[in-house]
Amino acid sequence: MDWNILIKVARLHLVDRASLTVLPWSVLAIAFTVCLAVAASLSRYHAQIPTGGVASIFLVFFVIGVLSVTHSLPFALTLGVSRRSYYAGTALLAVGLAVVNGLALAMLGLIEGASNGWGVGLHFFRVAYILPGPWYVIWLTSAVVLALVFLYGMWVGLVYRRWNWPGLLAFGAAQAVVVVAMVIATSRAGAWAAVGRFFTTLGAPGLTGLLAALAVVLLVGGYATMRRVTV
């Protein structure tokens, strides 16, 4: 595969730099400001304030993944880019963005830890179990999760382009069925305690490995869908 073509595909997406760079951090900044204000108002109680506000940037990355294949795919194909090259170039962009933004999240987590939660006990970037520990662990986990949600967004976007709303609904329903089946099977086996022990002993590095494997599955699934997408 020609790496020059992949880089050109990635640069094609970067024409809209604001959506890829400014938008995620604008949303995150709003969430952080709100959480910081709440934590500051409670600081007199000397409490540690955990939040899930950092999830906002992951949600934006999912949306960006969806839009990346629904907006620019027809134009790229008219330029003579093959479906395989377009998909690989977009995935390369996802990994690059994930690495850079993951590092930024890790640095903010490092500052948060050193400043006792920005001076008010706020846990925004350092999420218990998922994003704890040294900065390099936070970096790795953040990058993997960002890439994961971007790739999942790409797959959702490709499903929509290939089968429209009926296919998208069927895609979501199939995932819901799998989740419900797993919950029922676990409940009938009385294995919830074992599941809890598994994830407790797994820790953030192990969880990151599982998520990386899931990202590979999503990458393969998206590629299989991409091969027959019509524009």
C-alpha atoms as a PDB file:
ATOM      1  CA  MET A   1       0.000   0.000   0.000  1.00  0.00           C
ATOM      2  CA  ASP A   2       1.319   3.446  -0.985  1.00  0.00           C
ATOM      3  CA  TRP A   3       1.920   5.484   2.175  1.00  0.00           C
ATOM      4  CA  ASN A   4       1.937   8.699   0.171  1.00  0.00           C
ATOM      5  CA  ILE A   5      -1.665   8.096  -0.838  1.00  0.00           C
ATOM      6  CA  LEU A   6      -2.639   7.341   2.756  1.00  0.00           C
ATOM      7  CA  ILE A   7      -1.057  10.578   3.930  1.00  0.00           C
ATOM      8  CA  LYS A   8      -2.874  12.479   1.167  1.00  0.00           C
ATOM      9  CA  VAL A   9      -6.181  10.983   2.326  1.00  0.00           C
ATOM     10  CA  ALA A  10      -5.416  12.055   5.887  1.00  0.00           C
ATOM     11  CA  ARG A  11      -4.581  15.549   4.670  1.00  0.00           C
ATOM     12  CA  LEU A  12      -7.850  15.611   2.736  1.00  0.00           C
ATOM     13  CA  HIS A  13      -9.702  15.265   6.026  1.00  0.00           C
ATOM     14  CA  LEU A  14      -7.522  17.956   7.581  1.00  0.00           C
ATOM     15  CA  VAL A  15      -8.957  20.523   5.197  1.00  0.00           C
ATOM     16  CA  ASP A  16     -11.626  20.907   7.873  1.00  0.00           C
ATOM     17  CA  ARG A  17      -9.130  21.381  10.691  1.00  0.00           C
ATOM     18  CA  ALA A  18     -11.597  23.099  12.988  1.00  0.00           C
ATOM     19  CA  SER A  19     -13.805  20.025  13.284  1.00  0.00           C
ATOM     20  CA  LEU A  20     -10.829  17.780  13.986  1.00  0.00           C
ATOM     21  CA  THR A  21      -8.920  19.997  16.379  1.00  0.00           C
ATOM     22  CA  VAL A  22     -10.942  22.930  17.729  1.00  0.00           C
ATOM     23  CA  LEU A  23     -14.325  21.223  18.169  1.00  0.00           C
ATOM     24  CA  PRO A  24     -13.237  18.361  20.492  1.00  0.00           C
ATOM     25  CA  TRP A  25     -11.328  20.687  22.797  1.00  0.00           C
ATOM     26  CA  SER A  26     -14.045  23.328  22.764  1.00  0.00           C
ATOM     27  CA  VAL A  27     -16.581  20.767  23.964  1.00  0.00           C
ATOM     28  CA  LEU A  28     -14.097  19.452  26.529  1.00  0.00           C
ATOM     29  CA  ALA A  29     -13.345  22.978  27.752  1.00  0.00           C
ATOM     30  CA  ILE A  30     -17.042  23.652  28.315  1.00  0.00           C
ATOM     31  CA  ALA A  31     -17.454  20.391  30.252  1.00  0.00           C
ATOM     32  CA  PHE A  32     -14.326  21.135  32.286  1.00  0.00           C
ATOM     33  CA  THR A  33     -15.465  24.671  33.128  1.00  0.00           C
ATOM     34  CA  VAL A  34     -18.823  23.423  34.375  1.00  0.00           C
ATOM     35  CA  CYS A  35     -17.253  20.661  36.476  1.00  0.00           C
ATOM     36  CA  LEU A  36     -14.619  23.037  37.858  1.00  0.00           C
ATOM     37  CA  ALA A  37     -17.295  25.518  38.905  1.00  0.00           C
ATOM     38  CA  VAL A  38     -19.246  22.780  40.678  1.00  0.00           C
ATOM     39  CA  ALA A  39     -16.115  21.481  42.403  1.00  0.00           C
ATOM     40  CA  ALA A  40     -15.147  25.004  43.475  1.00  0.00           C
ATOM     41  CA  SER A  41     -18.563  25.510  45.023  1.00  0.00           C
ATOM     42  CA  LEU A  42     -18.061  22.326  47.058  1.00  0.00           C
ATOM     43  CA  SER A  43     -14.420  22.911  47.949  1.00  0.00           C
ATOM     44  CA  ARG A  44     -15.321  24.096  51.457  1.00  0.00           C
ATOM     45  CA  TYR A  45     -16.315  20.517  52.243  1.00  0.00           C
ATOM     46  CA  HIS A  46     -12.782  19.316  51.325  1.00  0.00           C
ATOM     47  CA  ALA A  47     -14.281  16.575  49.151  1.00  0.00           C
ATOM     48  CA  GLN A  48     -12.773  14.807  46.157  1.00  0.00           C
ATOM     49  CA  ILE A  49     -15.128  15.376  43.207  1.00  0.00           C
ATOM     50  CA  PRO A  50     -15.070  12.583  40.574  1.00  0.00           C
ATOM     51  CA  THR A  51     -16.713  13.363  37.236  1.00  0.00           C
ATOM     52  CA  GLY A  52     -17.140  11.752  33.856  1.00  0.00           C
ATOM     53  CA  GLY A  53     -16.767  15.010  31.972  1.00  0.00           C
ATOM     54  CA  VAL A  54     -13.689  13.867  30.060  1.00  0.00           C
ATOM     55  CA  ALA A  55     -16.000  11.469  28.190  1.00  0.00           C
ATOM     56  CA  SER A  56     -17.164  14.477  26.163  1.00  0.00           C
ATOM     57  CA  ILE A  57     -14.043  14.420  23.986  1.00  0.00           C
ATOM     58  CA  PHE A  58     -14.516  10.710  23.313  1.00  0.00           C
ATOM     59  CA  LEU A  59     -18.106  11.333  22.214  1.00  0.00           C
ATOM     60  CA  VAL A  60     -16.931  14.068  19.862  1.00  0.00           C
ATOM     61  CA  PHE A  61     -14.335  11.704  18.386  1.00  0.00           C
ATOM     62  CA  PHE A  62     -17.115   9.208  17.707  1.00  0.00           C
ATOM     63  CA  VAL A  63     -19.094  11.880  15.840  1.00  0.00           C
ATOM     64  CA  ILE A  64     -15.990  12.910  13.893  1.00  0.00           C
ATOM     65  CA  GLY A  65     -15.503   9.278  12.906  1.00  0.00           C
ATOM     66  CA  VAL A  66     -19.055   9.099  11.574  1.00  0.00           C
ATOM     67  CA  LEU A  67     -18.712  12.342   9.622  1.00  0.00           C
ATOM     68  CA  SER A  68     -15.293  11.425   8.242  1.00  0.00           C
ATOM     69  CA  VAL A  69     -16.775   8.743   5.983  1.00  0.00           C
ATOM     70  CA  THR A  70     -20.165  10.281   5.287  1.00  0.00           C
ATOM     71  CA  HIS A  71     -18.940  13.645   3.994  1.00  0.00           C
ATOM     72  CA  SER A  72     -15.657  13.214   2.131  1.00  0.00           C
ATOM     73  CA  LEU A  73     -15.932   9.680   0.736  1.00  0.00           C
ATOM     74  CA  PRO A  74     -17.687  10.585  -2.546  1.00  0.00           C
ATOM     75  CA  PHE A  75     -15.225  13.392  -3.234  1.00  0.00           C
ATOM     76  CA  ALA A  76     -12.230  11.163  -2.505  1.00  0.00           C
ATOM     77  CA  LEU A  77     -13.476   8.465  -4.876  1.00  0.00           C
ATOM     78  CA  THR A  78     -13.980  11.011  -7.654  1.00  0.00           C
ATOM     79  CA  LEU A  79     -10.292  11.889  -7.243  1.00  0.00           C
ATOM     80  CA  GLY A  80      -9.409   8.288  -8.039  1.00  0.00           C
ATOM     81  CA  VAL A  81      -8.653   7.138  -4.514  1.00  0.00           C
ATOM     82  CA  SER A  82      -9.499   3.470  -4.000  1.00  0.00           C
ATOM     83  CA  ARG A  83     -11.825   2.413  -1.211  1.00  0.00           C
ATOM     84  CA  ARG A  84      -9.012   0.527   0.488  1.00  0.00           C
ATOM     85  CA  SER A  85      -6.677   3.523   0.413  1.00  0.00           C
ATOM     86  CA  TYR A  86      -9.396   5.861   1.616  1.00  0.00           C
ATOM     87  CA  TYR A  87     -10.243   3.596   4.523  1.00  0.00           C
ATOM     88  CA  ALA A  88      -6.614   3.027   5.487  1.00  0.00           C
ATOM     89  CA  GLY A  89      -5.815   6.742   5.210  1.00  0.00           C
ATOM     90  CA  THR A  90      -8.774   7.660   7.400  1.00  0.00           C
ATOM     91  CA  ALA A  91      -7.771   5.012   9.949  1.00  0.00           C
ATOM     92  CA  LEU A  92      -4.235   6.433   9.899  1.00  0.00           C
ATOM     93  CA  LEU A  93      -5.702   9.846  10.653  1.00  0.00           C
ATOM     94  CA  ALA A  94      -7.679   8.333  13.549  1.00  0.00           C
ATOM     95  CA  VAL A  95      -4.529   6.846  15.072  1.00  0.00           C
ATOM     96  CA  GLY A  96      -2.558  10.065  14.622  1.00  0.00           C
ATOM     97  CA  LEU A  97      -5.253  12.199  16.224  1.00  0.00           C
ATOM     98  CA  ALA A  98      -5.643   9.668  19.038  1.00  0.00           C
ATOM     99  CA  VAL A  99      -1.914   9.700  19.846  1.00  0.00           C
ATOM    100  CA  VAL A 100      -1.652  13.501  19.869  1.00  0.00           C
ATOM    101  CA  ASN A 101      -4.856  14.138  21.792  1.00  0.00           C
ATOM    102  CA  GLY A 102      -4.134  11.254  24.155  1.00  0.00           C
ATOM    103  CA  LEU A 103      -0.814  12.868  25.049  1.00  0.00           C
ATOM    104  CA  ALA A 104      -2.575  16.163  25.746  1.00  0.00           C
ATOM    105  CA  LEU A 105      -5.051  14.401  28.031  1.00  0.00           C
ATOM    106  CA  ALA A 106      -2.191  12.674  29.838  1.00  0.00           C
ATOM    107  CA  MET A 107      -0.403  15.989  30.436  1.00  0.00           C
ATOM    108  CA  LEU A 108      -3.598  17.520  31.798  1.00  0.00           C
ATOM    109  CA  GLY A 109      -4.031  14.474  34.027  1.00  0.00           C
ATOM    110  CA  LEU A 110      -0.474  14.982  35.297  1.00  0.00           C
ATOM    111  CA  ILE A 111      -1.232  18.620  36.125  1.00  0.00           C
ATOM    112  CA  GLU A 112      -4.482  17.628  37.780  1.00  0.00           C
ATOM    113  CA  GLY A 113      -2.694  15.147  40.025  1.00  0.00           C
ATOM    114  CA  ALA A 114       0.047  17.607  40.959  1.00  0.00           C
ATOM    115  CA  SER A 115      -2.418  20.404  41.744  1.00  0.00           C
ATOM    116  CA  ASN A 116      -4.730  18.283  43.917  1.00  0.00           C
ATOM    117  CA  GLY A 117      -7.512  18.446  41.384  1.00  0.00           C
ATOM    118  CA  TRP A 118      -6.914  22.051  40.257  1.00  0.00           C
ATOM    119  CA  GLY A 119      -6.938  23.106  43.881  1.00  0.00           C
ATOM    120  CA  VAL A 120     -10.548  22.047  44.470  1.00  0.00           C
ATOM    121  CA  GLY A 121     -10.308  18.238  44.490  1.00  0.00           C
ATOM    122  CA  LEU A 122     -11.680  17.840  40.969  1.00  0.00           C
ATOM    123  CA  HIS A 123     -11.058  14.477  39.260  1.00  0.00           C
ATOM    124  CA  PHE A 124     -11.748  15.320  35.626  1.00  0.00           C
ATOM    125  CA  PHE A 125      -8.864  13.889  33.603  1.00  0.00           C
ATOM    126  CA  ARG A 126      -7.825  11.221  36.118  1.00  0.00           C
ATOM    127  CA  VAL A 127     -10.756   8.800  36.109  1.00  0.00           C
ATOM    128  CA  ALA A 128     -10.607   6.031  38.692  1.00  0.00           C
ATOM    129  CA  TYR A 129      -9.667   2.616  37.248  1.00  0.00           C
ATOM    130  CA  ILE A 130      -9.829   3.747  33.608  1.00  0.00           C
ATOM    131  CA  LEU A 131      -7.404   6.690  33.572  1.00  0.00           C
ATOM    132  CA  PRO A 132      -5.341   6.439  36.768  1.00  0.00           C
ATOM    133  CA  GLY A 133      -1.648   5.957  37.372  1.00  0.00           C
ATOM    134  CA  PRO A 134       1.434   7.367  35.605  1.00  0.00           C
ATOM    135  CA  TRP A 135       1.077   9.780  32.712  1.00  0.00           C
ATOM    136  CA  TYR A 136       2.283   7.269  30.151  1.00  0.00           C
ATOM    137  CA  VAL A 137      -0.457   4.815  31.160  1.00  0.00           C
ATOM    138  CA  ILE A 138      -3.048   7.583  30.846  1.00  0.00           C
ATOM    139  CA  TRP A 139      -1.565   8.456  27.443  1.00  0.00           C
ATOM    140  CA  LEU A 140      -1.759   4.893  26.185  1.00  0.00           C
ATOM    141  CA  THR A 141      -5.283   4.300  27.464  1.00  0.00           C
ATOM    142  CA  SER A 142      -6.562   7.656  26.207  1.00  0.00           C
ATOM    143  CA  ALA A 143      -5.049   7.092  22.759  1.00  0.00           C
ATOM    144  CA  VAL A 144      -6.523   3.603  22.476  1.00  0.00           C
ATOM    145  CA  VAL A 145     -10.005   4.736  23.543  1.00  0.00           C
ATOM    146  CA  LEU A 146      -9.927   7.760  21.217  1.00  0.00           C
ATOM    147  CA  ALA A 147      -8.903   5.544  18.290  1.00  0.00           C
ATOM    148  CA  LEU A 148     -11.551   2.994  19.287  1.00  0.00           C
ATOM    149  CA  VAL A 149     -14.457   5.448  19.279  1.00  0.00           C
ATOM    150  CA  PHE A 150     -13.232   7.064  16.047  1.00  0.00           C
ATOM    151  CA  LEU A 151     -13.069   3.681  14.309  1.00  0.00           C
ATOM    152  CA  TYR A 152     -16.475   2.737  15.671  1.00  0.00           C
ATOM    153  CA  GLY A 153     -17.830   6.004  14.315  1.00  0.00           C
ATOM    154  CA  MET A 154     -16.304   5.200  10.929  1.00  0.00           C
ATOM    155  CA  TRP A 155     -18.028   1.822  10.893  1.00  0.00           C
ATOM    156  CA  VAL A 156     -21.364   3.386  11.835  1.00  0.00           C
ATOM    157  CA  GLY A 157     -20.945   5.940   9.065  1.00  0.00           C
ATOM    158  CA  LEU A 158     -20.125   3.236   6.518  1.00  0.00           C
ATOM    159  CA  VAL A 159     -23.134   1.167   7.564  1.00  0.00           C
ATOM    160  CA  TYR A 160     -25.303   4.219   7.003  1.00  0.00           C
ATOM    161  CA  ARG A 161     -23.781   4.913   3.579  1.00  0.00           C
ATOM    162  CA  ARG A 162     -24.286   1.314   2.478  1.00  0.00           C
ATOM    163  CA  TRP A 163     -27.746   0.504   3.916  1.00  0.00           C
ATOM    164  CA  ASN A 164     -29.132   3.864   5.025  1.00  0.00           C
ATOM    165  CA  TRP A 165     -31.402   4.072   8.090  1.00  0.00           C
ATOM    166  CA  PRO A 166     -32.801   0.506   7.927  1.00  0.00           C
ATOM    167  CA  GLY A 167     -29.293  -0.895   7.942  1.00  0.00           C
ATOM    168  CA  LEU A 168     -28.195   1.431  10.712  1.00  0.00           C
ATOM    169  CA  LEU A 169     -31.143   0.406  12.884  1.00  0.00           C
ATOM    170  CA  ALA A 170     -30.431  -3.266  12.204  1.00  0.00           C
ATOM    171  CA  PHE A 171     -26.768  -2.688  13.054  1.00  0.00           C
ATOM    172  CA  GLY A 172     -27.682  -1.119  16.383  1.00  0.00           C
ATOM    173  CA  ALA A 173     -30.296  -3.781  17.126  1.00  0.00           C
ATOM    174  CA  ALA A 174     -27.793  -6.568  16.476  1.00  0.00           C
ATOM    175  CA  GLN A 175     -25.372  -5.052  18.975  1.00  0.00           C
ATOM    176  CA  ALA A 176     -28.153  -4.635  21.531  1.00  0.00           C
ATOM    177  CA  VAL A 177     -29.113  -8.300  21.116  1.00  0.00           C
ATOM    178  CA  VAL A 178     -25.523  -9.381  21.704  1.00  0.00           C
ATOM    179  CA  VAL A 179     -25.253  -7.264  24.857  1.00  0.00           C
ATOM    180  CA  VAL A 180     -28.593  -8.499  26.229  1.00  0.00           C
ATOM    181  CA  ALA A 181     -27.647 -12.113  25.465  1.00  0.00           C
ATOM    182  CA  MET A 182     -24.356 -11.683  27.342  1.00  0.00           C
ATOM    183  CA  VAL A 183     -26.135 -10.135  30.327  1.00  0.00           C
ATOM    184  CA  ILE A 184     -28.692 -12.950  30.431  1.00  0.00           C
ATOM    185  CA  ALA A 185     -26.022 -15.635  30.093  1.00  0.00           C
ATOM    186  CA  THR A 186     -23.925 -14.078  32.848  1.00  0.00           C
ATOM    187  CA  SER A 187     -26.945 -13.744  35.136  1.00  0.00           C
ATOM    188  CA  ARG A 188     -28.066 -17.336  34.610  1.00  0.00           C
ATOM    189  CA  ALA A 189     -24.549 -18.580  35.278  1.00  0.00           C
ATOM    190  CA  GLY A 190     -24.307 -16.424  38.405  1.00  0.00           C
ATOM    191  CA  ALA A 191     -21.002 -15.142  37.119  1.00  0.00           C
ATOM    192  CA  TRP A 192     -21.268 -11.433  37.916  1.00  0.00           C
ATOM    193  CA  ALA A 193     -18.867 -11.796  40.860  1.00  0.00           C
ATOM    194  CA  ALA A 194     -16.341 -13.501  38.588  1.00  0.00           C
ATOM    195  CA  VAL A 195     -16.745 -10.744  36.001  1.00  0.00           C
ATOM    196  CA  GLY A 196     -16.163  -8.137  38.686  1.00  0.00           C
ATOM    197  CA  ARG A 197     -13.028  -9.912  39.913  1.00  0.00           C
ATOM    198  CA  PHE A 198     -11.749 -10.212  36.358  1.00  0.00           C
ATOM    199  CA  PHE A 199     -11.955  -6.483  35.655  1.00  0.00           C
ATOM    200  CA  THR A 200     -10.713  -5.596  39.125  1.00  0.00           C
ATOM    201  CA  THR A 201      -7.547  -7.665  38.704  1.00  0.00           C
ATOM    202  CA  LEU A 202      -7.174  -6.647  35.052  1.00  0.00           C
ATOM    203  CA  GLY A 203      -6.328  -3.024  35.830  1.00  0.00           C
ATOM    204  CA  ALA A 204      -5.929  -0.140  33.393  1.00  0.00           C
ATOM    205  CA  PRO A 205      -3.098  -1.689  31.288  1.00  0.00           C
ATOM    206  CA  GLY A 206      -5.015  -4.937  30.826  1.00  0.00           C
ATOM    207  CA  LEU A 207      -8.201  -3.061  29.992  1.00  0.00           C
ATOM    208  CA  THR A 208      -6.264  -1.016  27.462  1.00  0.00           C
ATOM    209  CA  GLY A 209      -5.114  -4.238  25.808  1.00  0.00           C
ATOM    210  CA  LEU A 210      -8.691  -5.508  25.566  1.00  0.00           C
ATOM    211  CA  LEU A 211      -9.843  -2.211  24.076  1.00  0.00           C
ATOM    212  CA  ALA A 212      -6.981  -2.291  21.575  1.00  0.00           C
ATOM    213  CA  ALA A 213      -8.091  -5.772  20.483  1.00  0.00           C
ATOM    214  CA  LEU A 214     -11.652  -4.490  20.141  1.00  0.00           C
ATOM    215  CA  ALA A 215     -10.359  -1.597  18.022  1.00  0.00           C
ATOM    216  CA  VAL A 216      -8.765  -4.115  15.655  1.00  0.00           C
ATOM    217  CA  VAL A 217     -12.101  -5.944  15.389  1.00  0.00           C
ATOM    218  CA  LEU A 218     -13.844  -2.665  14.556  1.00  0.00           C
ATOM    219  CA  LEU A 219     -11.160  -1.870  11.995  1.00  0.00           C
ATOM    220  CA  VAL A 220     -11.732  -5.199  10.245  1.00  0.00           C
ATOM    221  CA  GLY A 221     -15.511  -4.868  10.397  1.00  0.00           C
ATOM    222  CA  GLY A 222     -15.388  -1.372   8.954  1.00  0.00           C
ATOM    223  CA  TYR A 223     -13.107  -2.503   6.137  1.00  0.00           C
ATOM    224  CA  ALA A 224     -15.446  -5.353   5.232  1.00  0.00           C
ATOM    225  CA  THR A 225     -18.316  -2.868   5.028  1.00  0.00           C
ATOM    226  CA  MET A 226     -16.221  -0.333   3.104  1.00  0.00           C
ATOM    227  CA  ARG A 227     -15.499  -2.735   0.254  1.00  0.00           C
ATOM    228  CA  ARG A 228     -19.096  -2.619  -0.972  1.00  0.00           C
ATOM    229  CA  VAL A 229     -20.128   0.908  -0.074  1.00  0.00           C
ATOM    230  CA  THR A 230     -21.840   2.769  -2.911  1.00  0.00           C
ATOM    231  CA  VAL A 231     -21.732   6.536  -3.345  1.00  0.00           C
END
